[in-house]
All heavy atoms as atom14 arrays in JSON, in Angstrom:
{
  "sequence": "FVAASSRSWGSTIYADSVKGRFTISRDNAENTVYLQMNSLKPEDT",
  "atom14_mask": [
    [1, 1, 1, 1, 1, 1, 1, 1, 1, 1, 1, 0, 0, 0],
    [1, 1, 1, 1, 1, 1, 1, 0, 0, 0, 0, 0, 0, 0],
    [1, 1, 1, 1, 1, 0, 0, 0, 0, 0, 0, 0, 0, 0],
    [1, 1, 1, 1, 1, 0, 0, 0, 0, 0, 0, 0, 0, 0],
    [1, 1, 1, 1, 1, 1, 0, 0, 0, 0, 0, 0, 0, 0],
    [1, 1, 1, 1, 1, 1, 0, 0, 0, 0, 0, 0, 0, 0],
    [1, 1, 1, 1, 1, 1, 1, 1, 1, 1, 1, 0, 0, 0],
    [1, 1, 1, 1, 1, 1, 0, 0, 0, 0, 0, 0, 0, 0],
    [1, 1, 1, 1, 1, 1, 1, 1, 1, 1, 1, 1, 1, 1],
    [1, 1, 1, 1, 0, 0, 0, 0, 0, 0, 0, 0, 0, 0],
    [1, 1, 1, 1, 1, 1, 0, 0, 0, 0, 0, 0, 0, 0],
    [1, 1, 1, 1, 1, 1, 1, 0, 0, 0, 0, 0, 0, 0],
    [1, 1, 1, 1, 1, 1, 1, 1, 0, 0, 0, 0, 0, 0],
    [1, 1, 1, 1, 1, 1, 1, 1, 1, 1, 1, 1, 0, 0],
    [1, 1, 1, 1, 1, 0, 0, 0, 0, 0, 0, 0, 0, 0],
    [1, 1, 1, 1, 1, 1, 1, 1, 0, 0, 0, 0, 0, 0],
    [1, 1, 1, 1, 1, 1, 0, 0, 0, 0, 0, 0, 0, 0],
    [1, 1, 1, 1, 1, 1, 1, 0, 0, 0, 0, 0, 0, 0],
    [1, 1, 1, 1, 1, 1, 1, 1, 1, 0, 0, 0, 0, 0],
    [1, 1, 1, 1, 0, 0, 0, 0, 0, 0, 0, 0, 0, 0],
    [1, 1, 1, 1, 1, 1, 1, 1, 1, 1, 1, 0, 0, 0],
    [1, 1, 1, 1, 1, 1, 1, 1, 1, 1, 1, 0, 0, 0],
    [1, 1, 1, 1, 1, 1, 1, 0, 0, 0, 0, 0, 0, 0],
    [1, 1, 1, 1, 1, 1, 1, 1, 0, 0, 0, 0, 0, 0],
    [1, 1, 1, 1, 1, 1, 0, 0, 0, 0, 0, 0, 0, 0],
    [1, 1, 1, 1, 1, 1, 1, 1, 1, 1, 1, 0, 0, 0],
    [1, 1, 1, 1, 1, 1, 1, 1, 0, 0, 0, 0, 0, 0],
    [1, 1, 1, 1, 1, 1, 1, 1, 0, 0, 0, 0, 0, 0],
    [1, 1, 1, 1, 1, 0, 0, 0, 0, 0, 0, 0, 0, 0],
    [1, 1, 1, 1, 1, 1, 1, 1, 1, 0, 0, 0, 0, 0],
    [1, 1, 1, 1, 1, 1, 1, 1, 0, 0, 0, 0, 0, 0],
    [1, 1, 1, 1, 1, 1, 1, 0, 0, 0, 0, 0, 0, 0],
    [1, 1, 1, 1, 1, 1, 1, 0, 0, 0, 0, 0, 0, 0],
    [1, 1, 1, 1, 1, 1, 1, 1, 1, 1, 1, 1, 0, 0],
    [1, 1, 1, 1, 1, 1, 1, 1, 0, 0, 0, 0, 0, 0],
    [1, 1, 1, 1, 1, 1, 1, 1, 1, 0, 0, 0, 0, 0],
    [1, 1, 1, 1, 1, 1, 1, 1, 0, 0, 0, 0, 0, 0],
    [1, 1, 1, 1, 1, 1, 1, 1, 0, 0, 0, 0, 0, 0],
    [1, 1, 1, 1, 1, 1, 0, 0, 0, 0, 0, 0, 0, 0],
    [1, 1, 1, 1, 1, 1, 1, 1, 0, 0, 0, 0, 0, 0],
    [1, 1, 1, 1, 1, 1, 1, 1, 1, 0, 0, 0, 0, 0],
    [1, 1, 1, 1, 1, 1, 1, 0, 0, 0, 0, 0, 0, 0],
    [1, 1, 1, 1, 1, 1, 1, 1, 1, 0, 0, 0, 0, 0],
    [1, 1, 1, 1, 1, 1, 1, 1, 0, 0, 0, 0, 0, 0],
    [1, 1, 1, 1, 1, 1, 1, 0, 0, 0, 0, 0, 0, 0]
  ],
  "atom14_positions": [
    [[85.95, 89.17, 98.17], [87.13, 90.0, 98.13], [87.64, 90.36, 99.55], [86.84, 90.61, 100.43], [86.78, 91.27, 97.35], [87.87, 92.31, 97.43], [89.03, 92.18, 96.76], [87.68, 93.45, 98.26], [90.03, 93.08, 96.84], [88.71, 94.42, 98.3], [89.81, 94.23, 97.65], [0.0, 0.0, 0.0], [0.0, 0.0, 0.0], [0.0, 0.0, 0.0]],
    [[88.92, 90.32, 99.69], [89.47, 90.68, 101.0], [90.39, 91.94, 100.82], [90.18, 92.95, 101.52], [90.3, 89.55, 101.61], [91.02, 89.98, 102.85], [89.45, 88.34, 101.79], [0.0, 0.0, 0.0], [0.0, 0.0, 0.0], [0.0, 0.0, 0.0], [0.0, 0.0, 0.0], [0.0, 0.0, 0.0], [0.0, 0.0, 0.0], [0.0, 0.0, 0.0]],
    [[91.31, 91.86, 99.95], [92.3, 92.98, 99.75], [93.06, 92.88, 98.46], [93.11, 91.75, 97.85], [93.38, 93.03, 100.93], [0.0, 0.0, 0.0], [0.0, 0.0, 0.0], [0.0, 0.0, 0.0], [0.0, 0.0, 0.0], [0.0, 0.0, 0.0], [0.0, 0.0, 0.0], [0.0, 0.0, 0.0], [0.0, 0.0, 0.0], [0.0, 0.0, 0.0]],
    [[93.57, 93.98, 97.96], [94.24, 93.98, 96.71], [95.35, 95.03, 96.77], [95.22, 96.05, 97.34], [93.37, 94.16, 95.48], [0.0, 0.0, 0.0], [0.0, 0.0, 0.0], [0.0, 0.0, 0.0], [0.0, 0.0, 0.0], [0.0, 0.0, 0.0], [0.0, 0.0, 0.0], [0.0, 0.0, 0.0], [0.0, 0.0, 0.0], [0.0, 0.0, 0.0]],
    [[96.38, 94.85, 95.95], [97.47, 95.74, 95.85], [97.71, 95.94, 94.4], [98.02, 94.97, 93.68], [98.68, 95.21, 96.56], [99.85, 96.08, 96.32], [0.0, 0.0, 0.0], [0.0, 0.0, 0.0], [0.0, 0.0, 0.0], [0.0, 0.0, 0.0], [0.0, 0.0, 0.0], [0.0, 0.0, 0.0], [0.0, 0.0, 0.0], [0.0, 0.0, 0.0]],
    [[97.8, 97.17, 93.89], [98.1, 97.48, 92.57], [99.6, 97.42, 92.31], [100.41, 97.33, 93.27], [97.59, 98.82, 92.14], [98.21, 99.88, 92.88], [0.0, 0.0, 0.0], [0.0, 0.0, 0.0], [0.0, 0.0, 0.0], [0.0, 0.0, 0.0], [0.0, 0.0, 0.0], [0.0, 0.0, 0.0], [0.0, 0.0, 0.0], [0.0, 0.0, 0.0]],
    [[100.03, 97.53, 91.05], [101.43, 97.33, 90.73], [102.22, 98.52, 91.26], [103.4, 98.21, 91.76], [101.56, 97.29, 89.24], [103.08, 97.27, 88.73], [102.99, 97.07, 87.18], [102.44, 98.26, 86.47], [103.11, 99.38, 86.21], [104.4, 99.51, 86.49], [102.4, 100.37, 85.53], [0.0, 0.0, 0.0], [0.0, 0.0, 0.0], [0.0, 0.0, 0.0]],
    [[101.76, 99.68, 91.18], [102.56, 100.95, 91.39], [102.1, 101.6, 92.68], [100.9, 101.55, 93.02], [102.4, 101.85, 90.25], [102.94, 101.2, 89.08], [0.0, 0.0, 0.0], [0.0, 0.0, 0.0], [0.0, 0.0, 0.0], [0.0, 0.0, 0.0], [0.0, 0.0, 0.0], [0.0, 0.0, 0.0], [0.0, 0.0, 0.0], [0.0, 0.0, 0.0]],
    [[103.0, 102.33, 93.29], [102.74, 103.23, 94.34], [102.19, 102.68, 95.62], [101.67, 103.4, 96.57], [101.8, 104.44, 93.88], [102.29, 105.03, 92.62], [101.71, 104.98, 91.41], [103.48, 105.78, 92.49], [102.45, 105.64, 90.52], [103.55, 106.16, 91.07], [104.55, 106.26, 93.35], [104.58, 106.94, 90.57], [105.6, 106.97, 92.86], [105.6, 107.31, 91.45]],
    [[102.17, 101.37, 95.76], [101.68, 100.68, 96.91], [100.18, 100.92, 97.16], [99.74, 100.78, 98.37], [0.0, 0.0, 0.0], [0.0, 0.0, 0.0], [0.0, 0.0, 0.0], [0.0, 0.0, 0.0], [0.0, 0.0, 0.0], [0.0, 0.0, 0.0], [0.0, 0.0, 0.0], [0.0, 0.0, 0.0], [0.0, 0.0, 0.0], [0.0, 0.0, 0.0]],
    [[99.39, 101.22, 96.19], [97.97, 101.38, 96.3], [97.32, 100.13, 96.81], [97.51, 99.08, 96.23], [97.41, 101.93, 94.98], [97.92, 103.18, 94.59], [0.0, 0.0, 0.0], [0.0, 0.0, 0.0], [0.0, 0.0, 0.0], [0.0, 0.0, 0.0], [0.0, 0.0, 0.0], [0.0, 0.0, 0.0], [0.0, 0.0, 0.0], [0.0, 0.0, 0.0]],
    [[96.41, 100.28, 97.69], [95.76, 99.12, 98.29], [94.27, 99.39, 98.53], [93.89, 100.52, 98.69], [96.32, 98.65, 99.68], [96.34, 99.73, 100.56], [97.77, 98.28, 99.52], [0.0, 0.0, 0.0], [0.0, 0.0, 0.0], [0.0, 0.0, 0.0], [0.0, 0.0, 0.0], [0.0, 0.0, 0.0], [0.0, 0.0, 0.0], [0.0, 0.0, 0.0]],
    [[93.48, 98.32, 98.42], [92.04, 98.44, 98.71], [91.68, 97.23, 99.64], [92.37, 96.24, 99.55], [91.13, 98.44, 97.48], [91.41, 97.28, 96.58], [91.35, 99.76, 96.74], [90.47, 97.16, 95.44], [0.0, 0.0, 0.0], [0.0, 0.0, 0.0], [0.0, 0.0, 0.0], [0.0, 0.0, 0.0], [0.0, 0.0, 0.0], [0.0, 0.0, 0.0]],
    [[90.63, 97.46, 100.45], [90.25, 96.45, 101.38], [88.69, 96.34, 101.5], [88.02, 97.31, 101.23], [90.75, 96.81, 102.81], [92.17, 96.82, 102.98], [92.89, 97.99, 102.81], [92.9, 95.74, 103.32], [94.3, 98.07, 102.92], [94.26, 95.79, 103.41], [94.98, 96.91, 103.28], [96.31, 96.95, 103.38], [0.0, 0.0, 0.0], [0.0, 0.0, 0.0]],
    [[88.24, 95.15, 101.72], [86.85, 94.99, 102.1], [86.54, 95.68, 103.39], [87.44, 95.64, 104.3], [86.53, 93.48, 102.13], [0.0, 0.0, 0.0], [0.0, 0.0, 0.0], [0.0, 0.0, 0.0], [0.0, 0.0, 0.0], [0.0, 0.0, 0.0], [0.0, 0.0, 0.0], [0.0, 0.0, 0.0], [0.0, 0.0, 0.0], [0.0, 0.0, 0.0]],
    [[85.34, 96.17, 103.53], [84.93, 96.79, 104.76], [85.08, 95.88, 106.01], [85.41, 96.38, 107.13], [83.51, 97.29, 104.61], [83.43, 98.53, 103.77], [84.43, 99.21, 103.46], [82.32, 98.85, 103.38], [0.0, 0.0, 0.0], [0.0, 0.0, 0.0], [0.0, 0.0, 0.0], [0.0, 0.0, 0.0], [0.0, 0.0, 0.0], [0.0, 0.0, 0.0]],
    [[84.82, 94.62, 105.81], [84.83, 93.66, 106.83], [86.23, 93.42, 107.47], [86.33, 92.91, 108.57], [84.28, 92.3, 106.39], [85.04, 91.72, 105.32], [0.0, 0.0, 0.0], [0.0, 0.0, 0.0], [0.0, 0.0, 0.0], [0.0, 0.0, 0.0], [0.0, 0.0, 0.0], [0.0, 0.0, 0.0], [0.0, 0.0, 0.0], [0.0, 0.0, 0.0]],
    [[87.33, 93.77, 106.77], [88.66, 93.52, 107.21], [89.43, 94.86, 107.37], [90.55, 94.84, 107.9], [89.4, 92.53, 106.32], [88.67, 91.26, 106.11], [89.73, 93.2, 104.93], [0.0, 0.0, 0.0], [0.0, 0.0, 0.0], [0.0, 0.0, 0.0], [0.0, 0.0, 0.0], [0.0, 0.0, 0.0], [0.0, 0.0, 0.0], [0.0, 0.0, 0.0]],
    [[88.9, 95.9, 106.95], [89.58, 97.21, 107.02], [89.98, 97.6, 108.5], [89.14, 97.46, 109.32], [88.76, 98.27, 106.36], [89.54, 99.58, 106.11], [88.6, 100.59, 105.32], [88.23, 100.01, 104.06], [87.39, 101.02, 103.19], [0.0, 0.0, 0.0], [0.0, 0.0, 0.0], [0.0, 0.0, 0.0], [0.0, 0.0, 0.0], [0.0, 0.0, 0.0]],
    [[91.26, 97.93, 108.68], [91.72, 98.16, 109.97], [92.26, 96.99, 110.72], [92.96, 97.12, 111.73], [0.0, 0.0, 0.0], [0.0, 0.0, 0.0], [0.0, 0.0, 0.0], [0.0, 0.0, 0.0], [0.0, 0.0, 0.0], [0.0, 0.0, 0.0], [0.0, 0.0, 0.0], [0.0, 0.0, 0.0], [0.0, 0.0, 0.0], [0.0, 0.0, 0.0]],
    [[92.01, 95.81, 110.23], [92.55, 94.6, 110.84], [93.64, 93.88, 109.94], [94.49, 93.3, 110.41], [91.46, 93.59, 111.16], [90.39, 94.11, 112.15], [89.41, 92.99, 112.58], [88.65, 92.57, 111.47], [88.63, 91.3, 111.05], [89.32, 90.37, 111.78], [87.84, 90.92, 110.01], [0.0, 0.0, 0.0], [0.0, 0.0, 0.0], [0.0, 0.0, 0.0]],
    [[93.28, 93.9, 108.67], [94.2, 93.2, 107.69], [95.01, 94.25, 106.9], [94.55, 95.32, 106.62], [93.38, 92.45, 106.65], [92.69, 91.22, 107.24], [92.6, 90.96, 108.54], [92.09, 90.3, 106.4], [91.91, 89.86, 109.1], [91.42, 89.16, 106.9], [91.33, 88.94, 108.23], [0.0, 0.0, 0.0], [0.0, 0.0, 0.0], [0.0, 0.0, 0.0]],
    [[96.22, 93.78, 106.52], [97.08, 94.66, 105.68], [97.68, 93.88, 104.62], [98.26, 92.78, 104.86], [98.25, 95.27, 106.55], [97.7, 96.04, 107.61], [99.09, 96.2, 105.71], [0.0, 0.0, 0.0], [0.0, 0.0, 0.0], [0.0, 0.0, 0.0], [0.0, 0.0, 0.0], [0.0, 0.0, 0.0], [0.0, 0.0, 0.0], [0.0, 0.0, 0.0]],
    [[97.59, 94.29, 103.37], [98.23, 93.67, 102.2], [99.47, 94.35, 101.92], [99.56, 95.61, 101.96], [97.27, 93.62, 100.99], [97.96, 92.82, 99.89], [96.92, 95.01, 100.56], [96.94, 92.49, 98.71], [0.0, 0.0, 0.0], [0.0, 0.0, 0.0], [0.0, 0.0, 0.0], [0.0, 0.0, 0.0], [0.0, 0.0, 0.0], [0.0, 0.0, 0.0]],
    [[100.51, 93.63, 101.65], [101.85, 94.26, 101.26], [102.45, 93.35, 100.2], [102.05, 92.19, 100.05], [102.73, 94.47, 102.45], [103.02, 93.24, 103.08], [0.0, 0.0, 0.0], [0.0, 0.0, 0.0], [0.0, 0.0, 0.0], [0.0, 0.0, 0.0], [0.0, 0.0, 0.0], [0.0, 0.0, 0.0], [0.0, 0.0, 0.0], [0.0, 0.0, 0.0]],
    [[103.47, 93.92, 99.52], [104.14, 93.17, 98.51], [105.63, 93.51, 98.53], [106.0, 94.59, 98.82], [103.51, 93.41, 97.14], [103.67, 94.82, 96.65], [102.75, 94.99, 95.42], [103.17, 94.21, 94.28], [102.52, 93.8, 93.16], [101.2, 94.23, 93.15], [103.0, 93.17, 92.26], [0.0, 0.0, 0.0], [0.0, 0.0, 0.0], [0.0, 0.0, 0.0]],
    [[106.4, 92.42, 98.18], [107.87, 92.58, 98.03], [108.16, 92.17, 96.65], [108.21, 91.06, 96.3], [108.57, 91.71, 99.07], [110.03, 91.92, 99.03], [110.54, 92.45, 98.0], [110.69, 91.59, 100.06], [0.0, 0.0, 0.0], [0.0, 0.0, 0.0], [0.0, 0.0, 0.0], [0.0, 0.0, 0.0], [0.0, 0.0, 0.0], [0.0, 0.0, 0.0]],
    [[108.24, 93.13, 95.73], [108.57, 92.88, 94.31], [109.88, 92.17, 94.01], [109.94, 91.28, 93.15], [108.5, 94.13, 93.5], [107.06, 94.68, 93.34], [106.06, 94.01, 93.66], [106.99, 95.96, 93.0], [0.0, 0.0, 0.0], [0.0, 0.0, 0.0], [0.0, 0.0, 0.0], [0.0, 0.0, 0.0], [0.0, 0.0, 0.0], [0.0, 0.0, 0.0]],
    [[110.88, 92.44, 94.88], [112.11, 91.74, 94.72], [112.04, 90.34, 95.14], [112.79, 89.51, 94.54], [113.22, 92.42, 95.63], [0.0, 0.0, 0.0], [0.0, 0.0, 0.0], [0.0, 0.0, 0.0], [0.0, 0.0, 0.0], [0.0, 0.0, 0.0], [0.0, 0.0, 0.0], [0.0, 0.0, 0.0], [0.0, 0.0, 0.0], [0.0, 0.0, 0.0]],
    [[111.06, 89.92, 96.03], [110.95, 88.56, 96.44], [109.76, 87.94, 95.65], [109.53, 86.72, 95.88], [110.66, 88.54, 97.94], [110.88, 87.16, 98.54], [112.31, 86.76, 98.62], [113.17, 87.68, 98.56], [112.59, 85.56, 98.69], [0.0, 0.0, 0.0], [0.0, 0.0, 0.0], [0.0, 0.0, 0.0], [0.0, 0.0, 0.0], [0.0, 0.0, 0.0]],
    [[109.12, 88.64, 94.86], [107.88, 88.17, 94.1], [106.86, 87.49, 95.08], [106.28, 86.44, 94.83], [108.4, 87.05, 93.1], [109.06, 87.63, 91.89], [109.34, 88.82, 91.81], [109.31, 86.79, 90.92], [0.0, 0.0, 0.0], [0.0, 0.0, 0.0], [0.0, 0.0, 0.0], [0.0, 0.0, 0.0], [0.0, 0.0, 0.0], [0.0, 0.0, 0.0]],
    [[106.64, 88.24, 96.1], [105.74, 87.69, 97.16], [104.78, 88.79, 97.62], [105.14, 89.99, 97.76], [106.59, 87.25, 98.37], [107.48, 86.22, 97.93], [105.61, 86.67, 99.43], [0.0, 0.0, 0.0], [0.0, 0.0, 0.0], [0.0, 0.0, 0.0], [0.0, 0.0, 0.0], [0.0, 0.0, 0.0], [0.0, 0.0, 0.0], [0.0, 0.0, 0.0]],
    [[103.57, 88.39, 97.86], [102.52, 89.24, 98.46], [102.15, 88.71, 99.76], [102.05, 87.44, 99.88], [101.33, 89.46, 97.45], [100.58, 88.15, 97.23], [100.34, 90.53, 98.04], [0.0, 0.0, 0.0], [0.0, 0.0, 0.0], [0.0, 0.0, 0.0], [0.0, 0.0, 0.0], [0.0, 0.0, 0.0], [0.0, 0.0, 0.0], [0.0, 0.0, 0.0]],
    [[101.81, 89.5, 100.68], [101.52, 89.14, 102.08], [100.13, 89.65, 102.49], [99.66, 90.65, 101.99], [102.52, 89.66, 103.08], [103.95, 89.22, 102.77], [104.79, 90.07, 102.02], [104.44, 88.01, 103.22], [106.09, 89.64, 101.8], [105.68, 87.59, 102.98], [106.64, 88.46, 102.26], [107.87, 88.06, 101.96], [0.0, 0.0, 0.0], [0.0, 0.0, 0.0]],
    [[99.53, 88.93, 103.36], [98.29, 89.43, 104.02], [98.48, 89.24, 105.48], [98.44, 88.11, 106.04], [97.07, 88.65, 103.48], [95.75, 89.17, 104.1], [95.4, 90.49, 103.53], [94.61, 88.15, 103.74], [0.0, 0.0, 0.0], [0.0, 0.0, 0.0], [0.0, 0.0, 0.0], [0.0, 0.0, 0.0], [0.0, 0.0, 0.0], [0.0, 0.0, 0.0]],
    [[98.67, 90.32, 106.15], [98.78, 90.33, 107.62], [97.39, 90.45, 108.2], [96.69, 91.42, 107.96], [99.67, 91.5, 108.13], [99.85, 91.58, 109.66], [100.56, 90.41, 110.24], [101.58, 90.0, 109.72], [100.07, 89.86, 111.31], [0.0, 0.0, 0.0], [0.0, 0.0, 0.0], [0.0, 0.0, 0.0], [0.0, 0.0, 0.0], [0.0, 0.0, 0.0]],
    [[97.04, 89.5, 109.01], [95.63, 89.47, 109.52], [95.78, 89.47, 111.11], [96.31, 88.62, 111.75], [94.98, 88.14, 109.19], [94.9, 87.86, 107.62], [93.92, 86.44, 107.19], [94.99, 85.16, 107.85], [0.0, 0.0, 0.0], [0.0, 0.0, 0.0], [0.0, 0.0, 0.0], [0.0, 0.0, 0.0], [0.0, 0.0, 0.0], [0.0, 0.0, 0.0]],
    [[95.24, 90.59, 111.64], [95.2, 90.82, 113.08], [93.81, 90.76, 113.67], [92.86, 90.93, 112.86], [95.88, 92.17, 113.36], [97.31, 92.24, 113.06], [98.05, 91.23, 113.0], [97.82, 93.42, 112.69], [0.0, 0.0, 0.0], [0.0, 0.0, 0.0], [0.0, 0.0, 0.0], [0.0, 0.0, 0.0], [0.0, 0.0, 0.0], [0.0, 0.0, 0.0]],
    [[93.64, 90.61, 114.89], [92.37, 90.53, 115.55], [91.43, 89.66, 114.9], [90.24, 90.04, 114.62], [91.85, 92.02, 115.58], [92.71, 92.86, 116.36], [0.0, 0.0, 0.0], [0.0, 0.0, 0.0], [0.0, 0.0, 0.0], [0.0, 0.0, 0.0], [0.0, 0.0, 0.0], [0.0, 0.0, 0.0], [0.0, 0.0, 0.0], [0.0, 0.0, 0.0]],
    [[91.85, 88.49, 114.58], [91.0, 87.5, 113.84], [89.77, 87.19, 114.59], [89.78, 87.03, 115.82], [91.85, 86.26, 113.53], [92.85, 86.42, 112.34], [93.91, 85.35, 112.39], [92.08, 86.45, 111.04], [0.0, 0.0, 0.0], [0.0, 0.0, 0.0], [0.0, 0.0, 0.0], [0.0, 0.0, 0.0], [0.0, 0.0, 0.0], [0.0, 0.0, 0.0]],
    [[88.7, 86.99, 113.77], [87.38, 86.65, 114.32], [86.96, 85.25, 113.74], [87.43, 84.93, 112.64], [86.32, 87.68, 113.95], [86.76, 89.16, 114.4], [85.76, 90.13, 113.84], [86.11, 91.57, 114.22], [85.21, 92.52, 113.66], [0.0, 0.0, 0.0], [0.0, 0.0, 0.0], [0.0, 0.0, 0.0], [0.0, 0.0, 0.0], [0.0, 0.0, 0.0]],
    [[86.12, 84.61, 114.38], [85.54, 83.37, 113.75], [84.97, 83.51, 112.41], [85.07, 82.63, 111.54], [84.5, 82.94, 114.82], [84.9, 83.47, 116.11], [85.54, 84.82, 115.76], [0.0, 0.0, 0.0], [0.0, 0.0, 0.0], [0.0, 0.0, 0.0], [0.0, 0.0, 0.0], [0.0, 0.0, 0.0], [0.0, 0.0, 0.0], [0.0, 0.0, 0.0]],
    [[84.42, 84.67, 112.1], [83.84, 84.97, 110.82], [84.88, 85.05, 109.69], [84.58, 85.07, 108.55], [83.01, 86.23, 110.89], [83.75, 87.5, 111.16], [82.88, 88.61, 111.59], [82.14, 88.4, 112.52], [82.94, 89.65, 110.92], [0.0, 0.0, 0.0], [0.0, 0.0, 0.0], [0.0, 0.0, 0.0], [0.0, 0.0, 0.0], [0.0, 0.0, 0.0]],
    [[86.22, 85.13, 110.08], [87.27, 85.17, 109.09], [87.64, 83.76, 108.65], [88.37, 83.62, 107.73], [88.51, 85.78, 109.7], [88.32, 87.25, 110.04], [87.68, 88.01, 109.28], [88.76, 87.69, 111.15], [0.0, 0.0, 0.0], [0.0, 0.0, 0.0], [0.0, 0.0, 0.0], [0.0, 0.0, 0.0], [0.0, 0.0, 0.0], [0.0, 0.0, 0.0]],
    [[86.99, 82.79, 109.25], [87.32, 81.31, 108.88], [86.92, 81.13, 107.42], [85.75, 81.34, 106.99], [86.58, 80.44, 109.8], [87.07, 80.58, 111.1], [86.73, 79.02, 109.3], [0.0, 0.0, 0.0], [0.0, 0.0, 0.0], [0.0, 0.0, 0.0], [0.0, 0.0, 0.0], [0.0, 0.0, 0.0], [0.0, 0.0, 0.0], [0.0, 0.0, 0.0]]
  ]
}
């Protein structure tokens, strides 16, 4: 598990290993979910 976004209120959860580095977001109008990954590490491969 990396991250998840619920349907309502923008609720999100993250794995401890990525918290603070990754951000999940969604654009319901575009039917798209994103995962912004910053400060990537080799272990993220």
